Each structure stands twice: as C-alpha cells, then as structure tokens.
Amino acid sequence: MKLLTRHTDYAIRALVYMARKPGDITRARELIDKLRIPDAFSRQLLQKLSKCGILESHRGKEGGFSFKKQPQKIRLLDVLHIFQGTEGLASCTLGGDVCPDRATCPLRSRIKSIEAHMVAELSRTTIASLLKETIS
C-alpha cells in the first residue's frame, strides 16, 4: 500500500526545502536541480500549492515562489488533501459504489481505526516540524 503519491511526496520535499530558506523566493529550476524533481512535476505542484494558498507566486526575472502560509501552519494532512483528495483508506478495495457489507465488514472497521490514527499523526505533523527531523 502506498500512502503518498509522487505528487504529494514531491510537494512535501519542495516545501521542506523551501522552509530551510525562510523569506527566500525559490524558482522551479532550483527544485528541479537540488531535489531532482522532474520538470513537469515541479511547475505543476508549485502552481497548485499557489492556487491553494500555501505558496505565493512572484512573476518576472527574479520570480519564483515563497510561502504565503507559514510552514508551522502547513499540516501534512493539508498537502495530502491537495494532491490526493479526501477519500480515505477505508473505501472498498473492490471498487464498488456501495458495498453491501459496508456496515458489517470487519476489514473496513479495522482500516477505519488505522486511518484515524494516521490522520491524527498527519494533522500533528507540519512542514516546520519536519525540519527538525531531517538531516541537513
């Protein structure tokens, strides 16, 4: 099971990198070079983070992106929802619209419990808190 998509992973890595340089404007090219994020992903995720109010876009020759929202207020859950939506882990693995066993499924019940713990942890973890956990 994969918890984070590539977009979410790249977005978190980019935000942590940017948080190490408070107040600076970061260009997409810098993220491409320093983090080895593919060009297509870099520009797309920066635009999406800007559209969602996390980053601010700066145009022109010296343009790029900076934080609009403070890194200590950006929760991993927020980033996950931006790039992966809000559908939980407990949706039916068979892909049906409405599972006939939804109310009594023991697997769904257990996964909902695990998901609640995961959501709580993702809510507590911010971009700023990740700075303390990463090696410079």
Protein backbone atom coordinates (compact mmCIF):
# COMPACT_ATOMS: atom_id res chain seq x y z
CA MET A 1 0.00 0.00 0.00
CA LYS A 2 1.31 3.40 -0.92
CA LEU A 3 0.35 6.21 1.44
CA LEU A 4 1.67 9.14 -0.64
CA THR A 5 1.51 9.67 -4.37
CA ARG A 6 4.54 11.02 -6.24
CA HIS A 7 2.90 14.46 -6.43
CA THR A 8 2.39 14.56 -2.66
CA ASP A 9 5.91 13.32 -1.97
CA TYR A 10 7.46 15.90 -4.31
CA ALA A 11 5.30 18.68 -2.84
CA ILE A 12 6.36 17.84 0.73
CA ARG A 13 10.01 17.64 -0.28
CA ALA A 14 9.76 21.01 -2.06
CA LEU A 15 8.05 22.67 0.91
CA VAL A 16 10.64 21.34 3.37
CA TYR A 17 13.44 22.56 1.10
CA MET A 18 11.85 26.00 0.84
CA ALA A 19 11.28 26.16 4.61
CA ARG A 20 15.03 25.81 5.12
CA LYS A 21 15.38 29.20 3.41
CA PRO A 22 12.81 31.40 5.18
CA GLY A 23 11.82 34.53 3.30
CA ASP A 24 13.58 33.49 0.08
CA ILE A 25 11.95 33.18 -3.30
CA THR A 26 12.55 29.75 -4.79
CA ARG A 27 12.47 29.10 -8.53
CA ALA A 28 11.13 25.88 -10.01
CA ARG A 29 14.53 25.32 -11.66
CA GLU A 30 16.17 25.23 -8.21
CA LEU A 31 13.85 22.46 -7.05
CA ILE A 32 14.46 20.55 -10.26
CA ASP A 33 18.24 20.79 -9.78
CA LYS A 34 18.55 20.40 -6.00
CA LEU A 35 15.81 17.84 -5.32
CA ARG A 36 15.84 16.09 -8.71
CA ILE A 37 12.11 16.68 -9.08
CA PRO A 38 11.10 16.22 -12.72
CA ASP A 39 10.40 19.47 -14.54
CA ALA A 40 6.76 18.62 -15.29
CA PHE A 41 6.04 17.81 -11.64
CA SER A 42 7.87 20.83 -10.25
CA ARG A 43 5.99 23.52 -12.12
CA GLN A 44 2.65 21.78 -11.75
CA LEU A 45 2.90 21.26 -7.99
CA LEU A 46 4.15 24.80 -7.33
CA GLN A 47 1.20 26.24 -9.25
CA LYS A 48 -1.23 24.02 -7.37
CA LEU A 49 0.27 24.99 -3.99
CA SER A 50 -0.01 28.62 -5.03
CA LYS A 51 -3.63 28.23 -6.12
CA CYS A 52 -4.45 26.60 -2.75
CA GLY A 53 -2.94 29.49 -0.76
CA ILE A 54 0.15 27.76 0.58
CA LEU A 55 2.64 29.48 -1.71
CA GLU A 56 2.72 32.87 -3.37
CA SER A 57 3.81 33.23 -6.98
CA HIS A 58 6.21 36.03 -7.95
CA ARG A 59 6.47 36.93 -11.62
CA GLY A 60 9.32 38.41 -13.57
CA LYS A 61 13.03 37.80 -13.99
CA GLU A 62 13.60 37.34 -10.25
CA GLY A 63 10.31 35.48 -9.83
CA GLY A 64 9.55 32.19 -8.23
CA PHE A 65 7.60 31.06 -5.19
CA SER A 66 7.60 31.91 -1.50
CA PHE A 67 5.44 30.90 1.44
CA LYS A 68 2.07 32.59 1.75
CA LYS A 69 1.18 30.38 4.71
CA GLN A 70 3.76 29.85 7.48
CA PRO A 71 5.46 26.41 7.42
CA GLN A 72 4.40 25.77 11.03
CA LYS A 73 0.78 26.10 9.93
CA ILE A 74 1.03 23.75 6.92
CA ARG A 75 0.00 20.29 8.05
CA LEU A 76 0.94 17.19 6.08
CA LEU A 77 -2.76 16.36 6.01
CA ASP A 78 -3.39 19.64 4.14
CA VAL A 79 -0.80 18.74 1.48
CA LEU A 80 -2.14 15.19 1.21
CA HIS A 81 -5.68 16.52 0.64
CA ILE A 82 -4.50 18.97 -2.02
CA PHE A 83 -2.84 16.28 -4.12
CA GLN A 84 -4.80 13.15 -3.22
CA GLY A 85 -8.22 14.36 -2.22
CA THR A 86 -10.04 13.44 0.95
CA GLU A 87 -11.12 9.89 0.16
CA GLY A 88 -9.96 7.68 2.97
CA LEU A 89 -8.19 4.36 3.05
CA ALA A 90 -11.37 2.55 4.02
CA SER A 91 -13.06 2.85 0.66
CA CYS A 92 -13.93 -0.57 -0.71
CA THR A 93 -10.95 -2.37 -2.20
CA LEU A 94 -13.25 -3.94 -4.78
CA GLY A 95 -14.09 -0.52 -6.20
CA GLY A 96 -17.85 -0.81 -5.88
CA ASP A 97 -20.03 2.24 -5.44
CA VAL A 98 -21.84 0.88 -2.42
CA CYS A 99 -20.59 -2.24 -0.72
CA PRO A 100 -23.39 -4.49 0.55
CA ASP A 101 -21.18 -5.42 3.54
CA ARG A 102 -20.23 -1.83 4.40
CA ALA A 103 -21.82 -1.85 7.87
CA THR A 104 -20.55 -5.29 8.89
CA CYS A 105 -17.20 -5.60 7.10
CA PRO A 106 -14.53 -6.41 9.71
CA LEU A 107 -11.72 -5.29 7.40
CA ARG A 108 -13.31 -1.88 6.84
CA SER A 109 -13.76 -1.42 10.57
CA ARG A 110 -10.09 -2.16 11.26
CA ILE A 111 -8.85 0.03 8.41
CA LYS A 112 -11.03 2.92 9.67
CA SER A 113 -9.31 2.62 13.04
CA ILE A 114 -5.84 2.65 11.45
CA GLU A 115 -6.87 5.57 9.26
CA ALA A 116 -7.99 7.60 12.30
CA HIS A 117 -4.52 7.19 13.85
CA MET A 118 -2.84 8.12 10.58
CA VAL A 119 -4.99 11.24 10.12
CA ALA A 120 -4.23 12.34 13.68
CA GLU A 121 -0.49 11.99 13.08
CA LEU A 122 -0.65 13.78 9.71
CA SER A 123 -2.62 16.58 11.40
CA ARG A 124 0.04 16.99 14.09
CA THR A 125 2.95 16.98 11.65
CA THR A 126 3.77 20.29 9.97
CA ILE A 127 6.33 21.29 7.36
CA ALA A 128 8.22 23.18 10.09
CA SER A 129 8.30 20.13 12.36
CA LEU A 130 9.86 18.08 9.56
CA LEU A 131 12.82 20.47 9.51
CA LYS A 132 13.80 19.19 12.95
CA GLU A 133 13.69 15.58 11.75
CA THR A 134 15.71 15.91 8.55
CA ILE A 135 19.45 15.80 8.24
CA SER A 136 20.98 18.92 6.72
